[in-house]
Protein backbone atom coordinates (compact mmCIF):
# COMPACT_ATOMS: atom_id res chain seq x y z
CA UNK A 1 94.50 -61.59 -16.61
CA UNK A 2 92.36 -61.27 -13.16
CA UNK A 3 95.37 -61.75 -11.02
CA UNK A 4 97.34 -58.90 -12.55
CA UNK A 5 94.05 -56.68 -12.24
CA UNK A 6 94.09 -57.35 -8.79
CA UNK A 7 97.70 -56.53 -8.21
CA UNK A 8 97.43 -53.36 -10.35
CA UNK A 9 94.25 -52.25 -8.02
CA UNK A 10 96.02 -52.89 -4.76
CA UNK A 11 99.18 -51.44 -5.93
CA UNK A 12 96.85 -48.35 -6.67
CA UNK A 13 94.89 -48.56 -3.35
CA UNK A 14 91.45 -49.01 -5.45
CA UNK A 15 91.13 -52.64 -4.28
CA UNK A 16 89.76 -53.40 -1.06
CA UNK A 17 87.73 -56.83 -0.80
CA UNK A 18 85.40 -57.40 2.56
CA UNK A 19 86.99 -60.72 2.97
CA UNK A 20 90.14 -58.48 4.30
CA UNK A 21 88.74 -55.85 6.09
CA UNK A 22 88.95 -56.29 10.11
CA UNK A 23 85.97 -54.55 10.97
CA UNK A 24 83.89 -56.62 8.90
CA UNK A 25 85.38 -59.64 10.05
CA UNK A 26 84.95 -58.91 13.33
CA UNK A 27 81.31 -58.11 13.03
CA UNK A 28 81.45 -61.68 11.01
CA UNK A 29 82.41 -63.48 14.12
CA UNK A 30 79.32 -61.88 16.05
CA UNK A 31 77.21 -62.76 13.37
CA UNK A 32 78.32 -66.36 13.68
CA UNK A 33 77.77 -66.43 17.23
CA UNK A 34 81.68 -66.67 18.16
CA UNK A 35 81.51 -63.33 20.37
CA UNK A 36 79.31 -60.81 22.01
CA UNK A 37 78.62 -57.37 21.50
CA UNK A 38 80.58 -56.34 24.49
CA UNK A 39 83.54 -58.37 22.85
CA UNK A 40 83.40 -56.38 19.74
CA UNK A 41 83.63 -53.49 21.50
CA UNK A 42 86.38 -54.45 23.18
CA UNK A 43 88.43 -55.52 20.60
CA UNK A 44 87.86 -53.12 18.17
CA UNK A 45 89.18 -50.56 20.87
CA UNK A 46 92.34 -52.28 21.28
CA UNK A 47 95.97 -51.00 19.82
CA UNK A 48 96.62 -54.25 18.15
CA UNK A 49 93.34 -54.36 16.06
CA UNK A 50 93.67 -50.13 15.15
CA UNK A 51 96.82 -51.16 13.77
CA UNK A 52 95.39 -53.69 11.34
CA UNK A 53 92.97 -51.10 9.84
CA UNK A 54 93.82 -48.80 7.04
CA UNK A 55 91.75 -46.34 5.17
CA UNK A 56 89.22 -48.81 3.54
CA UNK A 57 88.00 -49.97 7.03
CA UNK A 58 85.66 -47.50 7.93
CA UNK A 59 83.94 -47.55 4.24
CA UNK A 60 84.31 -50.84 4.11
CA UNK A 61 82.14 -51.87 7.19
CA UNK A 62 79.31 -48.98 5.97
CA UNK A 63 79.14 -50.93 2.77
CA UNK A 64 78.52 -54.01 4.53
CA UNK A 65 75.73 -52.40 6.47
CA UNK A 66 73.83 -51.33 3.70
CA UNK A 67 74.18 -54.25 1.86
CA UNK A 68 72.71 -56.50 4.45
CA UNK A 69 70.03 -53.87 4.99
CA UNK A 70 68.59 -53.75 1.90
CA UNK A 71 69.34 -57.57 1.68
CA UNK A 72 66.96 -57.86 4.68
CA UNK A 73 64.43 -55.10 3.70
CA UNK A 74 63.69 -57.21 0.78
CA UNK A 75 63.59 -60.56 2.58
CA UNK A 76 60.96 -59.65 5.66
CA UNK A 77 59.54 -63.03 6.76
CA UNK A 78 55.62 -63.58 6.40
CA UNK A 79 53.16 -65.61 7.73
CA UNK A 80 53.06 -67.91 4.82
CA UNK A 81 56.81 -67.43 3.67
CA UNK A 82 57.52 -70.96 4.99
CA UNK A 83 55.22 -72.52 2.58
CA UNK A 84 56.92 -70.68 -0.61
CA UNK A 85 60.26 -72.31 -2.06
CA UNK A 86 61.74 -68.96 -1.90
CA UNK A 87 60.69 -68.33 1.90
CA UNK A 88 64.64 -68.72 3.33
CA UNK A 89 64.31 -66.84 6.49
CA UNK A 90 62.69 -67.84 9.45
CA UNK A 91 61.42 -64.93 11.91
CA UNK A 92 64.58 -65.81 14.40
CA UNK A 93 67.29 -65.73 12.05
CA UNK A 94 65.76 -62.66 10.19
CA UNK A 95 66.04 -60.63 13.57
CA UNK A 96 69.27 -62.08 14.30
CA UNK A 97 70.70 -60.70 11.15
CA UNK A 98 69.25 -57.28 12.00
CA UNK A 99 70.79 -57.51 15.09
CA UNK A 100 74.00 -57.78 13.29
CA UNK A 101 73.52 -54.93 11.25
CA UNK A 102 72.76 -52.77 14.42
CA UNK A 103 75.94 -53.93 15.93
CA UNK A 104 77.75 -52.90 13.06
CA UNK A 105 76.52 -49.81 12.86
CA UNK A 106 77.21 -49.35 16.81
CA UNK A 107 80.99 -50.55 15.94
CA UNK A 108 80.97 -48.03 12.95
CA UNK A 109 80.21 -45.31 14.97
CA UNK A 110 82.53 -46.06 18.01
CA UNK A 111 85.55 -46.37 15.46
CA UNK A 112 84.45 -42.85 13.69
CA UNK A 113 84.38 -41.29 17.23
CA UNK A 114 87.90 -42.32 18.09
CA UNK A 115 90.71 -39.56 17.81
CA UNK A 116 92.88 -41.43 15.34
CA UNK A 117 89.98 -42.46 12.90
CA UNK A 118 87.56 -39.42 13.53
CA UNK A 119 84.54 -38.69 11.08
CA UNK A 120 81.48 -36.75 11.88
CA UNK A 121 80.42 -37.93 8.67
CA UNK A 122 80.47 -41.75 9.81
CA UNK A 123 79.26 -41.12 13.03
CA UNK A 124 76.15 -40.07 11.27
CA UNK A 125 76.04 -42.70 9.07
CA UNK A 126 76.18 -45.11 11.68
CA UNK A 127 73.09 -43.27 13.59
CA UNK A 128 70.83 -42.90 10.58
CA UNK A 129 71.38 -46.60 9.43
CA UNK A 130 70.99 -47.60 12.83
CA UNK A 131 67.70 -45.59 12.66
CA UNK A 132 66.80 -47.38 9.56
CA UNK A 133 67.47 -51.14 11.07
CA UNK A 134 65.44 -50.22 14.22
CA UNK A 135 62.38 -49.21 11.89
CA UNK A 136 62.83 -52.25 9.65
CA UNK A 137 62.78 -54.44 12.76
CA UNK A 138 59.38 -52.80 13.92
CA UNK A 139 60.23 -49.88 16.39
CA UNK A 140 57.83 -46.86 16.63
CA UNK A 141 58.95 -44.03 14.27
CA UNK A 142 59.06 -41.70 17.26
CA UNK A 143 61.48 -44.09 19.30
CA UNK A 144 64.23 -43.67 16.62
CA UNK A 145 63.85 -39.95 16.52
CA UNK A 146 66.73 -38.91 18.51
CA UNK A 147 69.10 -41.01 16.82
CA UNK A 148 67.81 -39.15 13.32
CA UNK A 149 68.28 -36.03 14.85
CA UNK A 150 71.79 -36.59 16.20
CA UNK A 151 72.73 -38.24 12.85
CA UNK A 152 71.69 -34.85 11.43
CA UNK A 153 73.80 -33.22 14.20
CA UNK A 154 77.02 -34.95 12.74
CA UNK A 155 75.93 -34.33 8.76
CA UNK A 156 77.89 -30.99 9.33
CA UNK A 157 79.81 -30.19 6.40
CA UNK A 158 78.96 -29.92 2.62
CA UNK A 159 80.42 -33.57 2.06
CA UNK A 160 77.45 -34.96 4.05
CA UNK A 161 74.55 -32.88 2.19
CA UNK A 162 73.05 -35.92 0.55
CA UNK A 163 73.04 -38.05 4.12
CA UNK A 164 71.62 -34.97 5.77
CA UNK A 165 69.12 -34.57 2.99
CA UNK A 166 67.97 -38.21 3.68
CA UNK A 167 67.78 -37.70 7.24
CA UNK A 168 65.46 -34.45 7.20
CA UNK A 169 63.24 -36.75 4.77
CA UNK A 170 62.94 -39.42 7.41
CA UNK A 171 62.44 -36.90 10.42
CA UNK A 172 59.99 -35.25 8.44
CA UNK A 173 58.18 -38.79 8.08
CA UNK A 174 58.79 -39.41 11.82
CA UNK A 175 57.26 -35.76 12.86
CA UNK A 176 54.50 -35.32 10.48
CA UNK A 177 51.75 -37.19 12.43
CA UNK A 178 52.57 -35.20 15.31
CA UNK A 179 53.40 -31.93 14.09
CA UNK A 180 52.90 -31.22 10.29
CA UNK A 181 54.07 -27.61 9.99
CA UNK A 182 57.37 -28.76 11.69
CA UNK A 183 57.39 -31.88 9.33
CA UNK A 184 57.07 -29.40 6.37
CA UNK A 185 60.31 -27.32 7.36
CA UNK A 186 62.21 -30.29 7.04
CA UNK A 187 60.60 -31.26 3.55
CA UNK A 188 61.67 -27.95 2.35
CA UNK A 189 64.99 -28.04 4.21
CA UNK A 190 65.47 -31.26 1.94
CA UNK A 191 64.47 -29.89 -1.14
CA UNK A 192 66.85 -26.86 -0.74
CA UNK A 193 69.63 -29.58 -0.65
CA UNK A 194 68.43 -31.35 -3.37
CA UNK A 195 68.34 -28.26 -5.69
CA UNK A 196 71.65 -27.43 -4.39
CA UNK A 197 73.27 -30.81 -5.09
CA UNK A 198 71.43 -31.25 -8.24
CA UNK A 199 72.07 -27.59 -9.57
CA UNK A 200 69.57 -25.76 -12.02
């Protein structure tokens, strides 16, 4: 029964496994140490590679980014994690995986900026989630502010409202220690979006 369902989903265009996604596979090669970040960038820009991508490639890569991020967020190594049977991550492996997420974000932005696959929304997602990733890695909030502001610029249509809301909330968090009044304007803007999306 399952094979028939998969065939039907493929025919309907609703089945897009990450294992068949060329962008995900490319980032996977980086994660395994087979290629460098520069090689990821070079390969992804070739015509031969572009011809292998379909409409599910960019959303699939974003799914990978969020899945890895939330997994790593829940597995932050601690000083005593090595004494716990559940402490599977050592510091170096965890940080290497975070770097892979950042490379995936760069790849997403690069692909989304090209004429044939242009998507301002995807550009904004790449920048916002790279900011989240760098913060999880330990970067100071003020250092990711340019990324968050550039993400906001890319979330420029109604379909991006929910992600614009999240970026405004993050920007408010960044600016609150420096300029509480400015931060309040971002919180209010986010609240207006929430009211619009959720309705009365």
